[in-house]
Amino acid sequence: MFEEVFVELEKQLQTKLSIGPNPLVCITPVVGDNESRMTAVTSPQVRF
């Protein structure tokens, strides 16, 4: 399940870097909406 999530998030990244096949840590915050979609937060203006 998590592998599929990383693949989908990697498609949305605005970088040429890859998450890799065996990530230990993912430091990009992810938020979900009311329709169970997850989105990576990459804006420095978003505060938690």
PDB file of N, CA and C in Angstrom:
ATOM      1  N   MET A   1       0.817  -1.187   0.000  1.00  0.00           N
ATOM      2  CA  MET A   1       0.000   0.000   0.000  1.00  0.00           C
ATOM      3  C   MET A   1       0.868   1.261   0.000  1.00  0.00           C
ATOM      4  N   PHE A   2       1.861   1.310   0.876  1.00  0.00           N
ATOM      5  CA  PHE A   2       2.686   2.508   0.959  1.00  0.00           C
ATOM      6  C   PHE A   2       3.506   2.726  -0.303  1.00  0.00           C
ATOM      7  N   GLU A   3       3.896   1.635  -0.958  1.00  0.00           N
ATOM      8  CA  GLU A   3       4.661   1.767  -2.190  1.00  0.00           C
ATOM      9  C   GLU A   3       3.841   2.519  -3.244  1.00  0.00           C
ATOM     10  N   GLU A   4       2.575   2.195  -3.344  1.00  0.00           N
ATOM     11  CA  GLU A   4       1.703   2.884  -4.299  1.00  0.00           C
ATOM     12  C   GLU A   4       1.568   4.366  -3.962  1.00  0.00           C
ATOM     13  N   VAL A   5       1.494   4.681  -2.678  1.00  0.00           N
ATOM     14  CA  VAL A   5       1.400   6.084  -2.251  1.00  0.00           C
ATOM     15  C   VAL A   5       2.655   6.835  -2.661  1.00  0.00           C
ATOM     16  N   PHE A   6       3.826   6.250  -2.423  1.00  0.00           N
ATOM     17  CA  PHE A   6       5.077   6.909  -2.790  1.00  0.00           C
ATOM     18  C   PHE A   6       5.186   7.102  -4.291  1.00  0.00           C
ATOM     19  N   VAL A   7       4.743   6.127  -5.066  1.00  0.00           N
ATOM     20  CA  VAL A   7       4.786   6.244  -6.526  1.00  0.00           C
ATOM     21  C   VAL A   7       3.915   7.411  -6.977  1.00  0.00           C
ATOM     22  N   GLU A   8       2.706   7.517  -6.427  1.00  0.00           N
ATOM     23  CA  GLU A   8       1.805   8.608  -6.808  1.00  0.00           C
ATOM     24  C   GLU A   8       2.347   9.962  -6.363  1.00  0.00           C
ATOM     25  N   LEU A   9       2.895  10.032  -5.163  1.00  0.00           N
ATOM     26  CA  LEU A   9       3.472  11.295  -4.695  1.00  0.00           C
ATOM     27  C   LEU A   9       4.679  11.699  -5.539  1.00  0.00           C
ATOM     28  N   GLU A  10       5.496  10.720  -5.900  1.00  0.00           N
ATOM     29  CA  GLU A  10       6.685  10.994  -6.697  1.00  0.00           C
ATOM     30  C   GLU A  10       6.302  11.600  -8.046  1.00  0.00           C
ATOM     31  N   LYS A  11       5.168  11.175  -8.602  1.00  0.00           N
ATOM     32  CA  LYS A  11       4.700  11.729  -9.875  1.00  0.00           C
ATOM     33  C   LYS A  11       4.365  13.214  -9.742  1.00  0.00           C
ATOM     34  N   GLN A  12       3.974  13.648  -8.544  1.00  0.00           N
ATOM     35  CA  GLN A  12       3.553  15.026  -8.330  1.00  0.00           C
ATOM     36  C   GLN A  12       4.691  15.940  -7.867  1.00  0.00           C
ATOM     37  N   LEU A  13       5.835  15.374  -7.537  1.00  0.00           N
ATOM     38  CA  LEU A  13       6.957  16.193  -7.067  1.00  0.00           C
ATOM     39  C   LEU A  13       7.472  17.083  -8.181  1.00  0.00           C
ATOM     40  N   GLN A  14       7.856  18.290  -7.818  1.00  0.00           N
ATOM     41  CA  GLN A  14       8.403  19.225  -8.798  1.00  0.00           C
ATOM     42  C   GLN A  14       9.923  19.221  -8.706  1.00  0.00           C
ATOM     43  N   THR A  15      10.495  18.049  -8.751  1.00  0.00           N
ATOM     44  CA  THR A  15      11.938  17.884  -8.668  1.00  0.00           C
ATOM     45  C   THR A  15      12.325  16.629  -9.440  1.00  0.00           C
ATOM     46  N   LYS A  16      13.576  16.523  -9.781  1.00  0.00           N
ATOM     47  CA  LYS A  16      14.061  15.328 -10.464  1.00  0.00           C
ATOM     48  C   LYS A  16      14.520  14.269  -9.474  1.00  0.00           C
ATOM     49  N   LEU A  17      14.441  14.569  -8.181  1.00  0.00           N
ATOM     50  CA  LEU A  17      14.848  13.615  -7.162  1.00  0.00           C
ATOM     51  C   LEU A  17      13.807  12.516  -7.023  1.00  0.00           C
ATOM     52  N   SER A  18      14.253  11.360  -6.622  1.00  0.00           N
ATOM     53  CA  SER A  18      13.377  10.217  -6.453  1.00  0.00           C
ATOM     54  C   SER A  18      13.248   9.885  -4.973  1.00  0.00           C
ATOM     55  N   ILE A  19      12.105   9.367  -4.568  1.00  0.00           N
ATOM     56  CA  ILE A  19      11.933   8.915  -3.188  1.00  0.00           C
ATOM     57  C   ILE A  19      12.768   7.666  -2.954  1.00  0.00           C
ATOM     58  N   GLY A  20      12.921   6.834  -3.945  1.00  0.00           N
ATOM     59  CA  GLY A  20      13.738   5.629  -3.828  1.00  0.00           C
ATOM     60  C   GLY A  20      12.912   4.411  -3.463  1.00  0.00           C
ATOM     61  N   PRO A  21      13.473   3.217  -3.645  1.00  0.00           N
ATOM     62  CA  PRO A  21      12.711   1.990  -3.435  1.00  0.00           C
ATOM     63  C   PRO A  21      12.479   1.642  -1.963  1.00  0.00           C
ATOM     64  N   ASN A  22      13.356   2.069  -1.064  1.00  0.00           N
ATOM     65  CA  ASN A  22      13.248   1.719   0.361  1.00  0.00           C
ATOM     66  C   ASN A  22      13.453   2.960   1.234  1.00  0.00           C
ATOM     67  N   PRO A  23      12.522   3.905   1.197  1.00  0.00           N
ATOM     68  CA  PRO A  23      12.732   5.129   1.965  1.00  0.00           C
ATOM     69  C   PRO A  23      12.663   4.870   3.470  1.00  0.00           C
ATOM     70  N   LEU A  24      13.531   5.534   4.202  1.00  0.00           N
ATOM     71  CA  LEU A  24      13.498   5.452   5.659  1.00  0.00           C
ATOM     72  C   LEU A  24      12.601   6.538   6.236  1.00  0.00           C
ATOM     73  N   VAL A  25      12.663   7.715   5.610  1.00  0.00           N
ATOM     74  CA  VAL A  25      11.915   8.864   6.109  1.00  0.00           C
ATOM     75  C   VAL A  25      11.426   9.681   4.923  1.00  0.00           C
ATOM     76  N   CYS A  26      10.219  10.153   5.015  1.00  0.00           N
ATOM     77  CA  CYS A  26       9.693  11.090   4.030  1.00  0.00           C
ATOM     78  C   CYS A  26       9.354  12.357   4.794  1.00  0.00           C
ATOM     79  N   ILE A  27      10.068  13.458   4.522  1.00  0.00           N
ATOM     80  CA  ILE A  27       9.881  14.670   5.320  1.00  0.00           C
ATOM     81  C   ILE A  27       8.902  15.658   4.716  1.00  0.00           C
ATOM     82  N   THR A  28       8.311  15.329   3.581  1.00  0.00           N
ATOM     83  CA  THR A  28       7.322  16.209   2.975  1.00  0.00           C
ATOM     84  C   THR A  28       5.978  15.987   3.648  1.00  0.00           C
ATOM     85  N   PRO A  29       5.396  17.029   4.243  1.00  0.00           N
ATOM     86  CA  PRO A  29       4.073  16.854   4.861  1.00  0.00           C
ATOM     87  C   PRO A  29       3.035  16.488   3.807  1.00  0.00           C
ATOM     88  N   VAL A  30       2.108  15.642   4.191  1.00  0.00           N
ATOM     89  CA  VAL A  30       1.037  15.214   3.307  1.00  0.00           C
ATOM     90  C   VAL A  30      -0.287  15.516   4.009  1.00  0.00           C
ATOM     91  N   VAL A  31      -1.206  16.134   3.287  1.00  0.00           N
ATOM     92  CA  VAL A  31      -2.524  16.424   3.844  1.00  0.00           C
ATOM     93  C   VAL A  31      -3.587  15.710   3.020  1.00  0.00           C
ATOM     94  N   GLY A  32      -4.692  15.367   3.681  1.00  0.00           N
ATOM     95  CA  GLY A  32      -5.802  14.725   2.998  1.00  0.00           C
ATOM     96  C   GLY A  32      -6.997  15.649   2.939  1.00  0.00           C
ATOM     97  N   ASP A  33      -7.812  15.488   1.908  1.00  0.00           N
ATOM     98  CA  ASP A  33      -9.017  16.297   1.800  1.00  0.00           C
ATOM     99  C   ASP A  33     -10.244  15.451   2.167  1.00  0.00           C
ATOM    100  N   ASN A  34     -11.418  16.012   2.013  1.00  0.00           N
ATOM    101  CA  ASN A  34     -12.660  15.326   2.384  1.00  0.00           C
ATOM    102  C   ASN A  34     -12.978  14.143   1.485  1.00  0.00           C
ATOM    103  N   GLU A  35     -12.299  14.019   0.359  1.00  0.00           N
ATOM    104  CA  GLU A  35     -12.534  12.912  -0.561  1.00  0.00           C
ATOM    105  C   GLU A  35     -11.419  11.871  -0.500  1.00  0.00           C
ATOM    106  N   SER A  36     -10.670  11.870   0.584  1.00  0.00           N
ATOM    107  CA  SER A  36      -9.592  10.895   0.841  1.00  0.00           C
ATOM    108  C   SER A  36      -8.449  10.983  -0.148  1.00  0.00           C
ATOM    109  N   ARG A  37      -8.238  12.162  -0.743  1.00  0.00           N
ATOM    110  CA  ARG A  37      -7.079  12.353  -1.621  1.00  0.00           C
ATOM    111  C   ARG A  37      -5.955  12.954  -0.797  1.00  0.00           C
ATOM    112  N   MET A  38      -4.746  12.453  -1.017  1.00  0.00           N
ATOM    113  CA  MET A  38      -3.587  12.962  -0.294  1.00  0.00           C
ATOM    114  C   MET A  38      -2.765  13.831  -1.228  1.00  0.00           C
ATOM    115  N   THR A  39      -2.276  14.960  -0.693  1.00  0.00           N
ATOM    116  CA  THR A  39      -1.493  15.899  -1.471  1.00  0.00           C
ATOM    117  C   THR A  39      -0.249  16.286  -0.680  1.00  0.00           C
ATOM    118  N   ALA A  40       0.892  16.289  -1.346  1.00  0.00           N
ATOM    119  CA  ALA A  40       2.129  16.734  -0.709  1.00  0.00           C
ATOM    120  C   ALA A  40       2.099  18.247  -0.567  1.00  0.00           C
ATOM    121  N   VAL A  41       2.490  18.738   0.616  1.00  0.00           N
ATOM    122  CA  VAL A  41       2.552  20.175   0.861  1.00  0.00           C
ATOM    123  C   VAL A  41       3.969  20.626   0.552  1.00  0.00           C
ATOM    124  N   THR A  42       4.113  21.417  -0.499  1.00  0.00           N
ATOM    125  CA  THR A  42       5.449  21.861  -0.912  1.00  0.00           C
ATOM    126  C   THR A  42       5.583  23.376  -0.865  1.00  0.00           C
ATOM    127  N   SER A  43       4.590  24.068  -0.354  1.00  0.00           N
ATOM    128  CA  SER A  43       4.619  25.529  -0.299  1.00  0.00           C
ATOM    129  C   SER A  43       5.132  25.991   1.063  1.00  0.00           C
ATOM    130  N   PRO A  44       6.090  26.914   1.077  1.00  0.00           N
ATOM    131  CA  PRO A  44       6.581  27.425   2.358  1.00  0.00           C
ATOM    132  C   PRO A  44       5.551  28.304   3.064  1.00  0.00           C
ATOM    133  N   GLN A  45       4.490  28.719   2.365  1.00  0.00           N
ATOM    134  CA  GLN A  45       3.463  29.572   2.963  1.00  0.00           C
ATOM    135  C   GLN A  45       2.449  28.780   3.783  1.00  0.00           C
ATOM    136  N   VAL A  46       2.366  27.476   3.583  1.00  0.00           N
ATOM    137  CA  VAL A  46       1.391  26.661   4.317  1.00  0.00           C
ATOM    138  C   VAL A  46       1.928  26.414   5.715  1.00  0.00           C
ATOM    139  N   ARG A  47       1.115  26.731   6.707  1.00  0.00           N
ATOM    140  CA  ARG A  47       1.512  26.534   8.111  1.00  0.00           C
ATOM    141  C   ARG A  47       0.595  25.512   8.767  1.00  0.00           C
ATOM    142  N   PHE A  48       1.156  24.730   9.670  1.00  0.00           N
ATOM    143  CA  PHE A  48       0.361  23.732  10.392  1.00  0.00           C
ATOM    144  C   PHE A  48       0.173  24.161  11.814  1.00  0.00           C
TER     145      PHE A  48
END
